[in-house]
Amino acid sequence: MSYKAKLIIADAEHILQYEKKILSQIAPQYVKKYREHKIEEDKKQELMAGYLLKMYLNIEHEEQLIINENGKPFLKAGEPFFNLSHSGNYVVLAIADCEIGVDIEHIMQCHEATVKKVYSARMQEELTDLSGEEKNEKFSQLWTEFEARLKLKGIGFEEGWKELRDMNCYIDTRRVENYFISVATEEEIFLEVIFKSI
């Protein structure tokens, strides 16, 4: 059986133009996060996250959500499952009828200490013969896949990264501009990708 999932990729660059309208529609916890942030990029990300949750899952109140001890949100009503991530001007929302994790990262410099400490032997091998920008891209791709696994399981980095490095799951990775986005599920999914801008 193939499950259905949506990946909404939203560009938050111009969202502040619609601040008042969006703040009146989104869940109070996202309003609070938006107001607490001092850095404009963070404010945009929180505003867009609240907006996407309202648009695609009709989340308007904190009572509609359950947050686990590591911060992974769930709908109190059960399904669908969802997960959020953000980097730069982008916010991504993954929605599925099975557990899901998502991560987005801007391409970053390969960090050798992270590779040695965190990456599995298989992941390290994928980086062995690469250099320069190609190595940075592969490092970033593998990192988003790893983070998506953590978020799928709803555990923190300190708790489970060693066990999850080679966790058997389905990973769908996409590149958008200078970003990698990875979606992780335990079930095979058909992934519909939606680009959203405001």
N, C-alpha and C. Protein backbone atom coordinates (compact mmCIF):
# COMPACT_ATOMS: atom_id res chain seq x y z
N MET A 1 0.84 -1.18 0.00
CA MET A 1 0.00 0.00 0.00
C MET A 1 0.88 1.25 0.00
N SER A 2 0.58 2.18 -0.87
CA SER A 2 1.33 3.43 -0.93
C SER A 2 0.52 4.53 -0.25
N TYR A 3 1.15 5.22 0.67
CA TYR A 3 0.50 6.31 1.37
C TYR A 3 0.67 7.60 0.59
N LYS A 4 -0.20 8.56 0.85
CA LYS A 4 -0.12 9.86 0.18
C LYS A 4 0.49 10.88 1.13
N ALA A 5 1.29 11.76 0.55
CA ALA A 5 1.90 12.83 1.33
C ALA A 5 2.01 14.08 0.47
N LYS A 6 2.00 15.22 1.15
CA LYS A 6 2.21 16.51 0.49
C LYS A 6 3.42 17.17 1.12
N LEU A 7 4.20 17.79 0.27
CA LEU A 7 5.31 18.61 0.73
C LEU A 7 5.06 20.02 0.22
N ILE A 8 4.76 20.92 1.14
CA ILE A 8 4.51 22.30 0.77
C ILE A 8 5.80 23.08 1.03
N ILE A 9 6.33 23.68 -0.02
CA ILE A 9 7.57 24.46 0.06
C ILE A 9 7.17 25.92 -0.10
N ALA A 10 7.33 26.69 0.97
CA ALA A 10 6.84 28.07 0.98
C ALA A 10 7.99 29.06 1.10
N ASP A 11 7.95 30.06 0.25
CA ASP A 11 8.92 31.15 0.29
C ASP A 11 8.34 32.27 1.15
N ALA A 12 8.98 32.55 2.27
CA ALA A 12 8.47 33.54 3.23
C ALA A 12 9.06 34.93 3.03
N GLU A 13 9.76 35.15 1.95
CA GLU A 13 10.48 36.41 1.76
C GLU A 13 9.59 37.64 1.92
N HIS A 14 8.37 37.61 1.39
CA HIS A 14 7.50 38.79 1.40
C HIS A 14 6.34 38.68 2.39
N ILE A 15 6.37 37.73 3.30
CA ILE A 15 5.23 37.48 4.18
C ILE A 15 4.93 38.62 5.14
N LEU A 16 5.92 39.40 5.51
CA LEU A 16 5.69 40.47 6.48
C LEU A 16 4.73 41.54 5.96
N GLN A 17 4.54 41.61 4.65
CA GLN A 17 3.57 42.55 4.07
C GLN A 17 2.15 42.20 4.50
N TYR A 18 1.93 40.95 4.87
CA TYR A 18 0.60 40.47 5.23
C TYR A 18 0.50 40.14 6.72
N GLU A 19 1.39 40.71 7.49
CA GLU A 19 1.53 40.41 8.91
C GLU A 19 0.21 40.50 9.67
N LYS A 20 -0.48 41.63 9.61
CA LYS A 20 -1.70 41.83 10.41
C LYS A 20 -2.77 40.80 10.07
N LYS A 21 -2.97 40.58 8.79
CA LYS A 21 -4.01 39.63 8.37
C LYS A 21 -3.67 38.22 8.85
N ILE A 22 -2.42 37.81 8.69
CA ILE A 22 -2.03 36.45 9.07
C ILE A 22 -2.05 36.28 10.58
N LEU A 23 -1.57 37.27 11.33
CA LEU A 23 -1.56 37.17 12.79
C LEU A 23 -2.97 36.97 13.36
N SER A 24 -3.97 37.51 12.68
CA SER A 24 -5.35 37.36 13.17
C SER A 24 -5.92 35.97 12.89
N GLN A 25 -5.23 35.17 12.08
CA GLN A 25 -5.76 33.87 11.66
C GLN A 25 -5.03 32.67 12.26
N ILE A 26 -3.81 32.87 12.73
CA ILE A 26 -2.99 31.71 13.11
C ILE A 26 -3.07 31.41 14.60
N ALA A 27 -2.61 30.22 14.96
CA ALA A 27 -2.63 29.76 16.35
C ALA A 27 -1.81 30.70 17.23
N PRO A 28 -2.29 31.00 18.44
CA PRO A 28 -1.61 31.92 19.35
C PRO A 28 -0.14 31.58 19.61
N GLN A 29 0.20 30.30 19.62
CA GLN A 29 1.60 29.96 19.90
C GLN A 29 2.53 30.47 18.79
N TYR A 30 2.04 30.52 17.55
CA TYR A 30 2.85 31.05 16.46
C TYR A 30 2.89 32.58 16.49
N VAL A 31 1.80 33.19 16.95
CA VAL A 31 1.79 34.64 17.16
C VAL A 31 2.84 34.99 18.22
N LYS A 32 2.84 34.23 19.31
CA LYS A 32 3.78 34.48 20.40
C LYS A 32 5.23 34.30 19.93
N LYS A 33 5.50 33.21 19.22
CA LYS A 33 6.86 32.98 18.70
C LYS A 33 7.27 34.11 17.76
N TYR A 34 6.34 34.52 16.91
CA TYR A 34 6.61 35.61 15.97
C TYR A 34 7.01 36.88 16.72
N ARG A 35 6.24 37.21 17.75
CA ARG A 35 6.50 38.45 18.50
C ARG A 35 7.77 38.37 19.34
N GLU A 36 8.14 37.19 19.79
CA GLU A 36 9.33 37.03 20.63
C GLU A 36 10.63 37.14 19.83
N HIS A 37 10.60 36.76 18.57
CA HIS A 37 11.82 36.79 17.77
C HIS A 37 12.22 38.22 17.43
N LYS A 38 13.50 38.47 17.48
CA LYS A 38 14.05 39.79 17.14
C LYS A 38 14.62 39.80 15.72
N ILE A 39 15.05 38.66 15.24
CA ILE A 39 15.66 38.57 13.92
C ILE A 39 14.56 38.40 12.87
N GLU A 40 14.59 39.24 11.84
CA GLU A 40 13.53 39.25 10.84
C GLU A 40 13.33 37.89 10.17
N GLU A 41 14.42 37.20 9.85
CA GLU A 41 14.30 35.88 9.20
C GLU A 41 13.52 34.91 10.09
N ASP A 42 13.78 34.92 11.39
CA ASP A 42 13.07 34.04 12.32
C ASP A 42 11.59 34.42 12.40
N LYS A 43 11.31 35.71 12.40
CA LYS A 43 9.92 36.18 12.44
C LYS A 43 9.16 35.68 11.21
N LYS A 44 9.79 35.80 10.05
CA LYS A 44 9.17 35.33 8.81
C LYS A 44 8.87 33.84 8.87
N GLN A 45 9.83 33.08 9.39
CA GLN A 45 9.67 31.62 9.46
C GLN A 45 8.49 31.25 10.36
N GLU A 46 8.38 31.88 11.52
CA GLU A 46 7.28 31.56 12.45
C GLU A 46 5.93 31.97 11.87
N LEU A 47 5.89 33.13 11.23
CA LEU A 47 4.65 33.60 10.62
C LEU A 47 4.22 32.65 9.51
N MET A 48 5.17 32.23 8.67
CA MET A 48 4.84 31.31 7.58
C MET A 48 4.44 29.94 8.12
N ALA A 49 5.10 29.46 9.16
CA ALA A 49 4.74 28.16 9.75
C ALA A 49 3.29 28.20 10.24
N GLY A 50 2.93 29.24 10.97
CA GLY A 50 1.55 29.37 11.45
C GLY A 50 0.56 29.46 10.30
N TYR A 51 0.93 30.20 9.26
CA TYR A 51 0.08 30.36 8.09
C TYR A 51 -0.14 29.03 7.36
N LEU A 52 0.92 28.27 7.16
CA LEU A 52 0.78 26.98 6.48
C LEU A 52 -0.08 26.02 7.29
N LEU A 53 0.11 26.00 8.61
CA LEU A 53 -0.71 25.13 9.46
C LEU A 53 -2.18 25.52 9.38
N LYS A 54 -2.46 26.81 9.32
CA LYS A 54 -3.85 27.27 9.18
C LYS A 54 -4.40 26.88 7.81
N MET A 55 -3.64 27.14 6.76
CA MET A 55 -4.12 26.88 5.40
C MET A 55 -4.36 25.41 5.10
N TYR A 56 -3.41 24.56 5.53
CA TYR A 56 -3.45 23.16 5.11
C TYR A 56 -4.02 22.21 6.15
N LEU A 57 -4.01 22.61 7.43
CA LEU A 57 -4.52 21.73 8.49
C LEU A 57 -5.58 22.41 9.35
N ASN A 58 -5.93 23.63 9.01
CA ASN A 58 -6.93 24.41 9.73
C ASN A 58 -6.61 24.55 11.23
N ILE A 59 -5.34 24.70 11.55
CA ILE A 59 -4.93 24.86 12.95
C ILE A 59 -5.01 26.33 13.31
N GLU A 60 -5.91 26.62 14.26
CA GLU A 60 -6.12 27.99 14.73
C GLU A 60 -5.87 28.14 16.22
N HIS A 61 -5.85 27.01 16.93
CA HIS A 61 -5.75 27.04 18.39
C HIS A 61 -4.73 26.02 18.87
N GLU A 62 -4.03 26.36 19.94
CA GLU A 62 -3.04 25.46 20.52
C GLU A 62 -3.67 24.13 20.95
N GLU A 63 -4.93 24.18 21.35
CA GLU A 63 -5.62 22.98 21.83
C GLU A 63 -5.76 21.91 20.75
N GLN A 64 -5.55 22.28 19.50
CA GLN A 64 -5.64 21.32 18.41
C GLN A 64 -4.37 20.48 18.29
N LEU A 65 -3.33 20.87 19.03
CA LEU A 65 -2.03 20.21 18.92
C LEU A 65 -1.60 19.55 20.21
N ILE A 66 -0.83 18.49 20.04
CA ILE A 66 -0.10 17.86 21.14
C ILE A 66 1.37 17.95 20.74
N ILE A 67 2.21 18.39 21.67
CA ILE A 67 3.64 18.52 21.40
C ILE A 67 4.37 17.51 22.28
N ASN A 68 5.18 16.64 21.68
CA ASN A 68 5.91 15.66 22.50
C ASN A 68 7.07 16.33 23.23
N GLU A 69 7.75 15.57 24.07
CA GLU A 69 8.82 16.14 24.92
C GLU A 69 9.98 16.73 24.12
N ASN A 70 10.10 16.36 22.85
CA ASN A 70 11.17 16.90 22.01
C ASN A 70 10.68 17.97 21.03
N GLY A 71 9.42 18.35 21.19
CA GLY A 71 8.88 19.43 20.37
C GLY A 71 8.19 19.01 19.09
N LYS A 72 8.04 17.69 18.85
CA LYS A 72 7.36 17.26 17.63
C LYS A 72 5.85 17.43 17.82
N PRO A 73 5.22 18.17 16.90
CA PRO A 73 3.77 18.39 17.01
C PRO A 73 2.96 17.27 16.36
N PHE A 74 1.80 17.02 16.96
CA PHE A 74 0.82 16.07 16.43
C PHE A 74 -0.55 16.73 16.53
N LEU A 75 -1.45 16.34 15.66
CA LEU A 75 -2.84 16.79 15.78
C LEU A 75 -3.51 16.00 16.89
N LYS A 76 -4.22 16.68 17.75
CA LYS A 76 -4.95 16.01 18.83
C LYS A 76 -5.96 15.03 18.24
N ALA A 77 -6.51 15.36 17.09
CA ALA A 77 -7.50 14.51 16.42
C ALA A 77 -6.88 13.26 15.80
N GLY A 78 -5.56 13.16 15.79
CA GLY A 78 -4.89 11.99 15.20
C GLY A 78 -4.27 12.32 13.86
N GLU A 79 -4.88 11.84 12.80
CA GLU A 79 -4.34 12.06 11.46
C GLU A 79 -4.90 13.33 10.86
N PRO A 80 -4.26 13.89 9.86
CA PRO A 80 -3.01 13.45 9.26
C PRO A 80 -1.81 13.81 10.14
N PHE A 81 -0.70 13.16 9.85
CA PHE A 81 0.55 13.47 10.53
C PHE A 81 1.22 14.61 9.77
N PHE A 82 2.04 15.38 10.46
CA PHE A 82 2.71 16.49 9.79
C PHE A 82 4.03 16.80 10.48
N ASN A 83 4.85 17.57 9.79
CA ASN A 83 6.12 18.01 10.34
C ASN A 83 6.55 19.28 9.61
N LEU A 84 7.22 20.16 10.32
CA LEU A 84 7.67 21.44 9.79
C LEU A 84 9.18 21.57 9.87
N SER A 85 9.75 22.35 8.96
CA SER A 85 11.16 22.70 9.04
C SER A 85 11.34 24.04 8.33
N HIS A 86 12.43 24.74 8.64
CA HIS A 86 12.68 26.01 7.97
C HIS A 86 14.17 26.28 7.89
N SER A 87 14.53 27.04 6.86
CA SER A 87 15.91 27.47 6.65
C SER A 87 15.87 28.67 5.72
N GLY A 88 16.55 29.74 6.09
CA GLY A 88 16.54 30.93 5.25
C GLY A 88 15.13 31.45 5.06
N ASN A 89 14.76 31.74 3.82
CA ASN A 89 13.40 32.23 3.52
C ASN A 89 12.39 31.11 3.36
N TYR A 90 12.82 29.86 3.45
CA TYR A 90 11.91 28.75 3.18
C TYR A 90 11.37 28.10 4.45
N VAL A 91 10.09 27.77 4.38
CA VAL A 91 9.43 26.96 5.41
C VAL A 91 8.80 25.80 4.65
N VAL A 92 8.99 24.58 5.16
CA VAL A 92 8.38 23.42 4.51
C VAL A 92 7.45 22.73 5.50
N LEU A 93 6.32 22.29 4.99
CA LEU A 93 5.34 21.54 5.75
C LEU A 93 5.10 20.23 5.02
N ALA A 94 5.32 19.12 5.72
CA ALA A 94 5.05 17.79 5.16
C ALA A 94 3.82 17.23 5.86
N ILE A 95 2.88 16.74 5.09
CA ILE A 95 1.62 16.19 5.62
C ILE A 95 1.43 14.81 5.01
N ALA A 96 1.07 13.82 5.84
CA ALA A 96 0.89 12.46 5.32
C ALA A 96 -0.12 11.70 6.17
N ASP A 97 -0.59 10.59 5.62
CA ASP A 97 -1.46 9.72 6.40
C ASP A 97 -0.66 8.62 7.10
N CYS A 98 0.64 8.85 7.26
CA CYS A 98 1.53 8.00 8.07
C CYS A 98 2.55 8.93 8.73
N GLU A 99 3.26 8.46 9.74
CA GLU A 99 4.28 9.28 10.41
C GLU A 99 5.26 9.84 9.39
N ILE A 100 5.69 11.09 9.62
CA ILE A 100 6.55 11.77 8.65
C ILE A 100 7.51 12.71 9.36
N GLY A 101 8.68 12.87 8.78
CA GLY A 101 9.66 13.85 9.25
C GLY A 101 10.19 14.61 8.05
N VAL A 102 10.52 15.88 8.23
CA VAL A 102 11.03 16.69 7.13
C VAL A 102 12.14 17.60 7.64
N ASP A 103 13.11 17.86 6.78
CA ASP A 103 14.15 18.83 7.10
C ASP A 103 14.55 19.57 5.83
N ILE A 104 14.85 20.84 5.99
CA ILE A 104 15.38 21.67 4.91
C ILE A 104 16.63 22.36 5.43
N GLU A 105 17.65 22.40 4.60
CA GLU A 105 18.90 23.08 4.96
C GLU A 105 19.48 23.75 3.73
N HIS A 106 19.99 24.94 3.94
CA HIS A 106 20.78 25.61 2.91
C HIS A 106 22.09 24.83 2.78
N ILE A 107 22.62 24.73 1.58
CA ILE A 107 23.88 24.01 1.40
C ILE A 107 24.94 24.65 2.29
N MET A 108 25.59 23.80 3.08
CA MET A 108 26.57 24.29 4.06
C MET A 108 27.93 23.66 3.82
N GLN A 109 28.91 24.26 4.40
CA GLN A 109 30.29 23.78 4.33
C GLN A 109 30.38 22.41 5.01
N CYS A 110 31.05 21.48 4.38
CA CYS A 110 31.27 20.16 4.99
C CYS A 110 32.09 20.34 6.26
N HIS A 111 31.59 19.79 7.35
CA HIS A 111 32.25 19.92 8.65
C HIS A 111 32.80 18.54 9.03
N GLU A 112 34.10 18.37 8.90
CA GLU A 112 34.73 17.05 9.08
C GLU A 112 34.50 16.46 10.46
N ALA A 113 34.49 17.29 11.51
CA ALA A 113 34.26 16.77 12.86
C ALA A 113 32.86 16.17 12.97
N THR A 114 31.88 16.80 12.33
CA THR A 114 30.51 16.27 12.32
C THR A 114 30.47 14.96 11.56
N VAL A 115 31.15 14.91 10.43
CA VAL A 115 31.18 13.69 9.62
C VAL A 115 31.72 12.54 10.47
N LYS A 116 32.83 12.75 11.16
CA LYS A 116 33.45 11.68 11.95
C LYS A 116 32.60 11.26 13.14
N LYS A 117 31.96 12.25 13.79
CA LYS A 117 31.20 11.95 15.00
C LYS A 117 29.81 11.39 14.70
N VAL A 118 29.13 11.97 13.72
CA VAL A 118 27.71 11.70 13.53
C VAL A 118 27.42 10.75 12.36
N TYR A 119 28.11 10.91 11.25
CA TYR A 119 27.78 10.15 10.06
C TYR A 119 28.21 8.69 10.20
N SER A 120 27.37 7.81 9.70
CA SER A 120 27.68 6.38 9.71
C SER A 120 28.81 6.09 8.72
N ALA A 121 29.34 4.87 8.78
CA ALA A 121 30.41 4.47 7.84
C ALA A 121 29.93 4.60 6.40
N ARG A 122 28.69 4.21 6.14
CA ARG A 122 28.13 4.32 4.79
C ARG A 122 28.07 5.78 4.35
N MET A 123 27.61 6.66 5.22
CA MET A 123 27.51 8.08 4.89
C MET A 123 28.90 8.68 4.66
N GLN A 124 29.85 8.30 5.50
CA GLN A 124 31.22 8.80 5.35
C GLN A 124 31.81 8.36 4.02
N GLU A 125 31.51 7.12 3.64
CA GLU A 125 32.02 6.59 2.37
C GLU A 125 31.50 7.39 1.18
N GLU A 126 30.25 7.85 1.27
CA GLU A 126 29.67 8.64 0.18
C GLU A 126 30.41 9.96 -0.02
N LEU A 127 31.10 10.43 1.01
CA LEU A 127 31.83 11.70 0.94
C LEU A 127 33.30 11.53 0.57
N THR A 128 33.81 10.31 0.65
CA THR A 128 35.25 10.04 0.54
C THR A 128 35.92 10.66 -0.67
N ASP A 129 35.41 10.43 -1.84
CA ASP A 129 36.09 10.87 -3.06
C ASP A 129 35.63 12.24 -3.56
N LEU A 130 34.86 12.95 -2.75
CA LEU A 130 34.34 14.24 -3.17
C LEU A 130 35.18 15.38 -2.59
N SER A 131 35.12 16.53 -3.25
CA SER A 131 35.80 17.71 -2.73
C SER A 131 35.04 18.96 -3.16
N GLY A 132 35.39 20.07 -2.54
CA GLY A 132 34.82 21.36 -2.92
C GLY A 132 33.31 21.41 -2.77
N GLU A 133 32.66 22.08 -3.73
CA GLU A 133 31.22 22.29 -3.67
C GLU A 133 30.45 20.97 -3.74
N GLU A 134 30.97 20.01 -4.49
CA GLU A 134 30.32 18.70 -4.59
C GLU A 134 30.26 18.02 -3.22
N LYS A 135 31.33 18.13 -2.45
CA LYS A 135 31.37 17.55 -1.10
C LYS A 135 30.40 18.30 -0.18
N ASN A 136 30.36 19.62 -0.28
CA ASN A 136 29.43 20.41 0.53
C ASN A 136 27.98 20.03 0.24
N GLU A 137 27.67 19.83 -1.04
CA GLU A 137 26.32 19.45 -1.43
C GLU A 137 25.95 18.08 -0.86
N LYS A 138 26.84 17.11 -0.99
CA LYS A 138 26.56 15.76 -0.48
C LYS A 138 26.46 15.79 1.05
N PHE A 139 27.34 16.52 1.72
CA PHE A 139 27.29 16.67 3.17
C PHE A 139 25.92 17.21 3.59
N SER A 140 25.44 18.24 2.90
CA SER A 140 24.16 18.87 3.22
C SER A 140 22.99 17.94 2.94
N GLN A 141 23.05 17.22 1.83
CA GLN A 141 22.00 16.27 1.49
C GLN A 141 21.90 15.19 2.57
N LEU A 142 23.03 14.61 2.93
CA LEU A 142 23.04 13.56 3.95
C LEU A 142 22.55 14.10 5.30
N TRP A 143 22.90 15.35 5.60
CA TRP A 143 22.46 15.94 6.87
C TRP A 143 20.94 16.07 6.91
N THR A 144 20.32 16.54 5.80
CA THR A 144 18.86 16.67 5.80
C THR A 144 18.19 15.30 5.91
N GLU A 145 18.78 14.28 5.30
CA GLU A 145 18.22 12.93 5.41
C GLU A 145 18.29 12.45 6.85
N PHE A 146 19.40 12.72 7.51
CA PHE A 146 19.59 12.33 8.90
C PHE A 146 18.61 13.06 9.82
N GLU A 147 18.49 14.37 9.64
CA GLU A 147 17.56 15.16 10.46
C GLU A 147 16.11 14.73 10.23
N ALA A 148 15.76 14.43 8.98
CA ALA A 148 14.39 13.98 8.69
C ALA A 148 14.09 12.67 9.42
N ARG A 149 15.08 11.78 9.53
CA ARG A 149 14.90 10.54 10.29
C ARG A 149 14.63 10.84 11.77
N LEU A 150 15.43 11.75 12.34
CA LEU A 150 15.22 12.14 13.74
C LEU A 150 13.82 12.70 13.94
N LYS A 151 13.40 13.55 13.03
CA LYS A 151 12.09 14.18 13.15
C LYS A 151 10.96 13.19 12.90
N LEU A 152 11.19 12.20 12.05
CA LEU A 152 10.21 11.14 11.85
C LEU A 152 9.93 10.44 13.17
N LYS A 153 10.98 10.12 13.90
CA LYS A 153 10.84 9.41 15.17
C LYS A 153 10.45 10.34 16.31
N GLY A 154 10.57 11.65 16.09
CA GLY A 154 10.19 12.60 17.13
C GLY A 154 11.12 12.58 18.32
N ILE A 155 12.40 12.35 18.05
CA ILE A 155 13.37 12.32 19.14
C ILE A 155 14.40 13.42 18.94
N GLY A 156 15.03 13.79 20.02
CA GLY A 156 16.04 14.83 19.96
C GLY A 156 17.37 14.29 19.49
N PHE A 157 18.22 15.20 19.07
CA PHE A 157 19.54 14.82 18.56
C PHE A 157 20.34 14.06 19.60
N GLU A 158 20.30 14.49 20.83
CA GLU A 158 21.10 13.86 21.88
C GLU A 158 20.63 12.44 22.19
N GLU A 159 19.36 12.17 21.96
CA GLU A 159 18.80 10.87 22.35
C GLU A 159 19.08 9.74 21.38
N GLY A 160 18.95 9.99 20.09
CA GLY A 160 18.89 8.85 19.20
C GLY A 160 19.70 8.87 17.94
N TRP A 161 20.64 9.78 17.81
CA TRP A 161 21.30 9.89 16.52
C TRP A 161 22.11 8.67 16.15
N LYS A 162 22.71 7.99 17.12
CA LYS A 162 23.52 6.81 16.78
C LYS A 162 22.65 5.69 16.21
N GLU A 163 21.48 5.49 16.82
CA GLU A 163 20.59 4.42 16.38
C GLU A 163 19.96 4.73 15.02
N LEU A 164 19.79 6.01 14.72
CA LEU A 164 19.05 6.39 13.52
C LEU A 164 19.92 6.65 12.29
N ARG A 165 21.23 6.60 12.44
CA ARG A 165 22.10 6.92 11.31
C ARG A 165 21.78 6.08 10.09
N ASP A 166 21.53 4.82 10.31
CA ASP A 166 21.22 3.92 9.19
C ASP A 166 19.83 3.31 9.33
N MET A 167 18.93 4.03 9.98
CA MET A 167 17.56 3.55 10.15
C MET A 167 16.96 3.26 8.78
N ASN A 168 16.32 2.12 8.69
CA ASN A 168 15.69 1.72 7.44
C ASN A 168 14.36 2.44 7.31
N CYS A 169 14.28 3.38 6.38
CA CYS A 169 13.04 4.09 6.13
C CYS A 169 13.08 4.62 4.70
N TYR A 170 11.98 5.18 4.29
CA TYR A 170 11.91 5.76 2.94
C TYR A 170 12.32 7.22 3.03
N ILE A 171 13.23 7.61 2.16
CA ILE A 171 13.71 8.99 2.11
C ILE A 171 13.49 9.53 0.71
N ASP A 172 12.88 10.70 0.63
CA ASP A 172 12.72 11.41 -0.65
C ASP A 172 13.42 12.75 -0.48
N THR A 173 14.47 12.98 -1.25
CA THR A 173 15.25 14.21 -1.14
C THR A 173 15.12 15.02 -2.43
N ARG A 174 14.87 16.29 -2.26
CA ARG A 174 14.74 17.21 -3.39
C ARG A 174 15.71 18.38 -3.20
N ARG A 175 16.11 18.95 -4.31
CA ARG A 175 16.92 20.16 -4.24
C ARG A 175 16.11 21.31 -4.82
N VAL A 176 16.05 22.40 -4.08
CA VAL A 176 15.39 23.62 -4.52
C VAL A 176 16.40 24.75 -4.34
N GLU A 177 16.83 25.31 -5.45
CA GLU A 177 17.87 26.35 -5.44
C GLU A 177 19.08 25.81 -4.67
N ASN A 178 19.52 26.51 -3.65
CA ASN A 178 20.68 26.06 -2.87
C ASN A 178 20.27 25.40 -1.56
N TYR A 179 19.15 24.69 -1.59
CA TYR A 179 18.63 24.00 -0.41
C TYR A 179 18.39 22.54 -0.74
N PHE A 180 18.54 21.69 0.27
CA PHE A 180 18.10 20.31 0.18
C PHE A 180 16.94 20.13 1.13
N ILE A 181 15.94 19.37 0.68
CA ILE A 181 14.77 19.05 1.49
C ILE A 181 14.64 17.54 1.49
N SER A 182 14.58 16.94 2.68
CA SER A 182 14.39 15.49 2.78
C SER A 182 13.14 15.18 3.58
N VAL A 183 12.39 14.21 3.09
CA VAL A 183 11.20 13.71 3.76
C VAL A 183 11.46 12.26 4.12
N ALA A 184 11.18 11.89 5.38
CA ALA A 184 11.39 10.51 5.84
C ALA A 184 10.06 9.93 6.31
N THR A 185 9.79 8.70 5.89
CA THR A 185 8.60 7.96 6.34
C THR A 185 8.98 6.50 6.53
N GLU A 186 8.21 5.81 7.36
CA GLU A 186 8.43 4.37 7.52
C GLU A 186 7.70 3.58 6.45
N GLU A 187 6.77 4.24 5.78
CA GLU A 187 5.98 3.61 4.73
C GLU A 187 6.32 4.25 3.39
N GLU A 188 6.13 3.50 2.32
CA GLU A 188 6.33 4.06 0.99
C GLU A 188 5.23 5.08 0.72
N ILE A 189 5.61 6.23 0.17
CA ILE A 189 4.63 7.29 -0.07
C ILE A 189 4.67 7.77 -1.51
N PHE A 190 3.53 8.32 -1.93
CA PHE A 190 3.48 9.10 -3.16
C PHE A 190 3.52 10.55 -2.70
N LEU A 191 4.57 11.30 -3.07
CA LEU A 191 4.77 12.65 -2.57
C LEU A 191 4.38 13.69 -3.61
N GLU A 192 3.38 14.48 -3.27
CA GLU A 192 2.96 15.61 -4.10
C GLU A 192 3.70 16.85 -3.58
N VAL A 193 4.36 17.57 -4.47
CA VAL A 193 5.12 18.76 -4.07
C VAL A 193 4.36 20.00 -4.53
N ILE A 194 4.16 20.93 -3.58
CA ILE A 194 3.43 22.17 -3.84
C ILE A 194 4.35 23.34 -3.49
N PHE A 195 4.53 24.25 -4.42
CA PHE A 195 5.30 25.47 -4.15
C PHE A 195 4.32 26.59 -3.82
N LYS A 196 4.60 27.29 -2.72
CA LYS A 196 3.70 28.34 -2.24
C LYS A 196 4.51 29.60 -1.98
N SER A 197 3.99 30.72 -2.43
CA SER A 197 4.61 32.00 -2.07
C SER A 197 3.51 32.98 -1.74
N ILE A 198 3.87 34.00 -1.01
CA ILE A 198 2.89 35.01 -0.62
C ILE A 198 3.36 36.34 -1.17
